[in-house]
Protein backbone atom coordinates (compact mmCIF):
# COMPACT_ATOMS: atom_id res chain seq x y z
CA UNK A 1 0.00 0.00 0.00
CA UNK A 2 2.89 2.33 0.86
CA UNK A 3 4.46 1.82 -2.57
CA UNK A 4 1.15 2.50 -4.29
CA UNK A 5 0.76 5.76 -2.39
CA UNK A 6 4.29 6.79 -3.34
CA UNK A 7 3.64 5.97 -6.99
CA UNK A 8 0.46 8.02 -6.93
CA UNK A 9 2.38 10.96 -5.50
CA UNK A 10 4.96 10.76 -8.28
CA UNK A 11 2.55 10.64 -11.20
CA UNK A 12 0.20 13.38 -10.02
CA UNK A 13 0.75 17.08 -10.94
CA UNK A 14 3.42 18.84 -8.90
CA UNK A 15 1.43 21.99 -8.21
CA UNK A 16 1.46 21.23 -4.48
CA UNK A 17 4.41 20.20 -2.35
CA UNK A 18 5.16 16.50 -2.02
CA UNK A 19 6.96 14.08 0.28
CA UNK A 20 9.39 11.74 -1.46
CA UNK A 21 11.12 8.79 0.17
CA UNK A 22 13.83 6.67 -1.47
CA UNK A 23 14.37 3.32 0.18
CA UNK A 24 17.78 1.93 1.10
CA UNK A 25 19.83 0.47 -1.79
CA UNK A 26 17.25 1.63 -4.35
CA UNK A 27 17.04 4.15 -7.21
CA UNK A 28 14.16 6.55 -7.82
CA UNK A 29 13.78 9.05 -10.65
CA UNK A 30 11.85 12.29 -10.26
CA UNK A 31 9.18 12.90 -12.93
CA UNK A 32 10.28 14.84 -16.02
CA UNK A 33 6.90 16.43 -16.68
CA UNK A 34 7.87 19.84 -15.32
CA UNK A 35 10.98 21.92 -14.89
CA UNK A 36 10.10 23.15 -11.38
CA UNK A 37 9.58 20.80 -8.42
CA UNK A 38 8.66 21.65 -4.83
CA UNK A 39 9.10 19.04 -2.08
CA UNK A 40 8.02 19.31 1.54
CA UNK A 41 10.48 16.58 2.44
CA UNK A 42 13.01 14.45 0.61
CA UNK A 43 14.36 11.45 2.47
CA UNK A 44 16.98 9.29 0.75
CA UNK A 45 17.85 6.30 2.93
CA UNK A 46 21.30 4.73 3.30
CA UNK A 47 22.88 3.85 -0.08
CA UNK A 48 19.80 5.08 -1.95
CA UNK A 49 19.89 7.35 -5.03
CA UNK A 50 17.48 10.00 -6.25
CA UNK A 51 17.88 10.80 -9.96
CA UNK A 52 17.06 14.35 -11.09
CA UNK A 53 16.18 14.48 -14.84
CA UNK A 54 17.87 16.87 -17.24
CA UNK A 55 14.76 19.01 -17.79
CA UNK A 56 14.42 19.92 -14.10
CA UNK A 57 15.88 23.41 -13.64
CA UNK A 58 14.55 24.34 -10.18
CA UNK A 59 14.21 22.09 -7.14
CA UNK A 60 12.97 23.49 -3.84
CA UNK A 61 13.08 21.31 -0.70
CA UNK A 62 11.85 22.27 2.77
CA UNK A 63 13.50 19.35 4.57
CA UNK A 64 16.27 17.21 3.09
CA UNK A 65 17.71 14.09 4.66
CA UNK A 66 20.44 12.05 2.99
CA UNK A 67 21.43 8.80 4.69
CA UNK A 68 24.84 7.18 4.77
CA UNK A 69 26.36 6.98 1.24
CA UNK A 70 23.09 8.34 -0.21
CA UNK A 71 23.13 10.26 -3.48
CA UNK A 72 21.28 12.96 -5.35
CA UNK A 73 22.40 12.29 -8.93
CA UNK A 74 21.73 15.10 -11.41
CA UNK A 75 21.63 14.27 -15.13
CA UNK A 76 23.87 16.45 -17.36
CA UNK A 77 22.17 19.31 -19.19
CA UNK A 78 22.92 22.74 -20.64
CA UNK A 79 20.60 24.51 -18.18
CA UNK A 80 21.71 25.50 -14.69
CA UNK A 81 19.97 23.65 -11.84
CA UNK A 82 18.78 25.86 -8.98
CA UNK A 83 18.45 23.80 -5.80
CA UNK A 84 17.16 25.54 -2.66
CA UNK A 85 17.01 23.71 0.66
CA UNK A 86 15.57 25.21 3.83
CA UNK A 87 16.94 22.57 6.23
CA UNK A 88 19.37 19.75 5.39
CA UNK A 89 20.68 16.77 7.39
CA UNK A 90 23.41 14.94 5.47
CA UNK A 91 24.96 11.74 6.82
CA UNK A 92 28.54 10.59 6.34
CA UNK A 93 29.42 9.65 2.76
CA UNK A 94 26.39 11.34 1.21
CA UNK A 95 26.92 13.33 -1.97
CA UNK A 96 25.33 15.51 -4.63
CA UNK A 97 26.65 14.50 -8.05
CA UNK A 98 26.31 16.42 -11.29
CA UNK A 99 29.12 14.86 -13.29
CA UNK A 100 29.32 15.17 -17.03
CA UNK A 101 28.88 12.13 -19.25
CA UNK A 102 31.93 10.39 -20.77
CA UNK A 103 32.44 10.62 -24.50
CA UNK A 104 31.82 7.78 -26.92
CA UNK A 105 32.89 7.11 -30.49
CA UNK A 106 29.76 8.93 -31.67
CA UNK A 107 29.26 11.61 -28.98
CA UNK A 108 31.58 14.16 -27.39
CA UNK A 109 32.05 14.17 -23.63
CA UNK A 110 29.60 16.37 -21.70
CA UNK A 111 30.57 18.93 -19.11
CA UNK A 112 29.48 18.84 -15.50
CA UNK A 113 26.13 20.47 -14.89
CA UNK A 114 26.22 24.01 -13.54
CA UNK A 115 24.65 24.27 -10.08
CA UNK A 116 23.37 26.99 -7.78
CA UNK A 117 22.95 25.33 -4.37
CA UNK A 118 21.43 27.15 -1.41
CA UNK A 119 21.27 25.68 2.12
CA UNK A 120 19.64 27.93 4.70
CA UNK A 121 20.39 25.46 7.52
CA UNK A 122 22.94 22.66 7.09
CA UNK A 123 24.05 19.89 9.43
CA UNK A 124 26.61 17.61 7.79
CA UNK A 125 30.08 16.24 8.57
CA UNK A 126 30.92 17.01 4.93
CA UNK A 127 29.15 18.78 2.09
CA UNK A 128 30.36 16.80 -0.94
CA UNK A 129 29.54 17.89 -4.48
CA UNK A 130 30.96 16.19 -7.58
CA UNK A 131 30.52 18.21 -10.78
CA UNK A 132 33.54 17.07 -12.80
CA UNK A 133 33.53 16.95 -16.57
CA UNK A 134 33.14 13.72 -18.50
CA UNK A 135 36.18 11.85 -19.82
CA UNK A 136 36.98 12.08 -23.52
CA UNK A 137 36.40 9.17 -25.87
CA UNK A 138 39.41 7.02 -26.80
CA UNK A 139 40.98 7.27 -30.22
CA UNK A 140 40.19 4.75 -32.94
CA UNK A 141 42.45 1.73 -33.31
CA UNK A 142 44.48 1.70 -36.52
CA UNK A 143 43.70 -0.96 -39.13
CA UNK A 144 45.97 -3.98 -39.34
CA UNK A 145 48.06 -4.38 -42.46
CA UNK A 146 47.25 -7.18 -44.90
CA UNK A 147 49.56 -10.18 -45.13
CA UNK A 148 51.81 -10.60 -48.16
CA UNK A 149 51.03 -13.28 -50.73
CA UNK A 150 52.98 -16.52 -50.81
CA UNK A 151 55.20 -17.08 -53.89
CA UNK A 152 54.45 -19.58 -56.64
CA UNK A 153 56.71 -22.51 -57.51
CA UNK A 154 57.38 -21.43 -61.08
CA UNK A 155 57.22 -17.65 -60.82
CA UNK A 156 57.38 -14.64 -58.56
CA UNK A 157 58.54 -13.92 -55.03
CA UNK A 158 56.76 -13.61 -51.71
CA UNK A 159 54.78 -10.42 -51.24
CA UNK A 160 55.65 -7.86 -48.56
CA UNK A 161 53.22 -7.41 -45.68
CA UNK A 162 51.30 -4.11 -45.72
CA UNK A 163 51.89 -1.47 -43.05
CA UNK A 164 49.36 -1.00 -40.25
CA UNK A 165 47.55 2.35 -40.27
CA UNK A 166 48.05 4.92 -37.53
CA UNK A 167 45.74 5.11 -34.53
CA UNK A 168 43.76 8.33 -34.08
CA UNK A 169 44.11 10.79 -31.21
CA UNK A 170 41.95 10.59 -28.10
CA UNK A 171 39.13 13.12 -27.80
CA UNK A 172 39.21 16.05 -25.33
CA UNK A 173 37.70 15.72 -21.88
CA UNK A 174 34.77 17.99 -21.02
CA UNK A 175 34.96 20.99 -18.72
CA UNK A 176 34.01 20.93 -15.07
CA UNK A 177 30.91 22.79 -13.92
CA UNK A 178 30.32 26.22 -12.43
CA UNK A 179 29.11 25.63 -8.87
CA UNK A 180 27.75 28.40 -6.64
CA UNK A 181 27.10 27.64 -2.98
CA UNK A 182 25.07 29.75 -0.56
CA UNK A 183 25.74 28.55 2.99
CA UNK A 184 25.28 29.72 6.58
CA UNK A 185 28.24 31.58 8.08
CA UNK A 186 28.52 28.96 10.81
CA UNK A 187 29.20 26.05 8.45
CA UNK A 188 32.97 25.31 8.49
CA UNK A 189 34.87 25.92 5.26
CA UNK A 190 37.01 22.80 5.83
CA UNK A 191 33.86 20.67 5.58
CA UNK A 192 33.12 21.80 2.02
CA UNK A 193 34.39 19.51 -0.73
CA UNK A 194 33.48 20.41 -4.31
CA UNK A 195 35.13 18.70 -7.32
CA UNK A 196 34.95 20.58 -10.63
CA UNK A 197 37.98 19.13 -12.42
CA UNK A 198 37.87 18.82 -16.17
CA UNK A 199 37.40 15.33 -17.55
CA UNK A 200 40.46 13.29 -18.48
CA UNK A 201 41.43 13.23 -22.13
CA UNK A 202 40.65 10.11 -24.12
CA UNK A 203 43.28 7.42 -24.46
CA UNK A 204 45.36 7.33 -27.64
CA UNK A 205 44.25 4.90 -30.32
CA UNK A 206 46.88 2.18 -30.80
CA UNK A 207 48.41 1.75 -34.23
CA UNK A 208 47.44 -1.17 -36.44
CA UNK A 209 49.50 -4.33 -36.49
CA UNK A 210 51.84 -4.94 -39.43
CA UNK A 211 50.95 -7.47 -42.07
CA UNK A 212 53.17 -10.55 -42.23
CA UNK A 213 55.24 -11.14 -45.35
CA UNK A 214 54.49 -14.07 -47.58
CA UNK A 215 56.05 -17.26 -46.24
CA UNK A 216 59.10 -18.86 -47.83
CA UNK A 217 58.32 -21.77 -50.09
CA UNK A 218 60.51 -24.71 -51.12
CA UNK A 219 59.77 -25.94 -54.64
CA UNK A 220 61.15 -28.61 -56.94
CA UNK A 221 62.72 -26.06 -59.29
CA UNK A 222 63.83 -23.35 -56.84
CA UNK A 223 63.25 -22.03 -53.36
CA UNK A 224 61.38 -18.73 -52.95
CA UNK A 225 62.36 -16.56 -49.98
CA UNK A 226 59.74 -15.18 -47.63
CA UNK A 227 58.60 -11.57 -47.93
CA UNK A 228 59.27 -8.85 -45.39
CA UNK A 229 56.67 -7.90 -42.82
CA UNK A 230 55.12 -4.45 -42.91
CA UNK A 231 55.61 -1.72 -40.33
CA UNK A 232 53.24 -1.22 -37.40
CA UNK A 233 51.10 1.90 -37.41
CA UNK A 234 51.96 4.71 -35.03
CA UNK A 235 49.89 5.25 -31.88
CA UNK A 236 47.78 8.38 -31.71
CA UNK A 237 48.15 11.06 -29.05
CA UNK A 238 46.15 11.19 -25.79
CA UNK A 239 43.36 13.75 -25.81
CA UNK A 240 43.70 16.92 -23.70
CA UNK A 241 41.99 17.18 -20.33
CA UNK A 242 38.95 19.42 -20.04
CA UNK A 243 39.13 22.83 -18.39
CA UNK A 244 38.47 23.02 -14.67
CA UNK A 245 35.22 24.57 -13.49
CA UNK A 246 34.79 27.30 -10.89
CA UNK A 247 33.45 27.18 -7.32
CA UNK A 248 32.12 30.25 -5.52
CA UNK A 249 30.87 30.29 -1.93
CA UNK A 250 28.58 32.98 -0.56
CA UNK A 251 27.82 33.24 3.16
CA UNK A 252 24.76 34.65 4.88
């Protein structure tokens, strides 16, 4: 019955404030039907994860509780996410993540999502935010060279193996995010940990393997020597790391 009530709360319009609970070791995704969400209370139990869709641009929470190793995971997007929390209780190991997506062979890496985070009251051993850029895609592997042809017994010599083609360079990593924090004056600076490093560059594509020369062949009339192997292709270069983001902290 409890799960049915929670499901009903998630699918109904978000005009009024809601209470959302994420159970331990489980994943829940907020609805993507609106860009603005208002929650009376958000409770993410130990090792649970709440996923915030890319279209959500404003999230207001009256009471936030993150259990041990709990996560608020924010999907990458171009728009800044404004997150305003009136009162927050964050357990050890909890984290807000807004990391960029790693690159693939068909898509470039995505930067960390820009965040404006406001906590009017905060009780936490550590405020941990991860908004690093995504890693670049690796370079393409070079093509292997073809093998040389074997000689005949009445004509010709063994063919030389073809050279392998060069590997391509790794793709650049994406930039880290711009993160703005608004925190109470009493919250210690040494308990703030925000990562906005640029993503690592993609690994270099290895060069293709050389083709083998045609094998030597002993015949009745004469012996044909084997052909030379080709040269291996050169490895590409690693991609550059993405630019670091910027963190600003405002006190009130």
